[in-house]
């Protein structure tokens, strides 16, 4: 019992911090927050890579080994999306929408398949 009380006394409130991205290289992010400048790895789902843009707001959490960036906060995306839809987009305006009816919509300036252009806006 004394061990659990001791553990609870040492437990700190933990919150994610938000910092402004100053730069990013590969999947590492430098972000300035209230607690200082963090140099941390970008953590995304397996099979994906995301490199945030300068001035994005990075959401940073502390882990046992080091801080990690778990994503970025961005502005308002509109309300044209429905529950169950997945949208993948880039700063350049390309977008892939997997809608909740099983349809796929691709918006892009140029569309390539195996290096060959197959369409263009």
Foldseek 3Di string as FASTA:
>chain_A
DVVVVVVVVPDDDFDWWKFFWQAWDFQWTWGQTPVGTFTAGEDDDPPDGDTDDGRWIFTWGADPVGIYTDDTDDDDDDDPADPPKDWDADPVGWIWICHPVRDIDTDDQFDDDPRHTDDGD
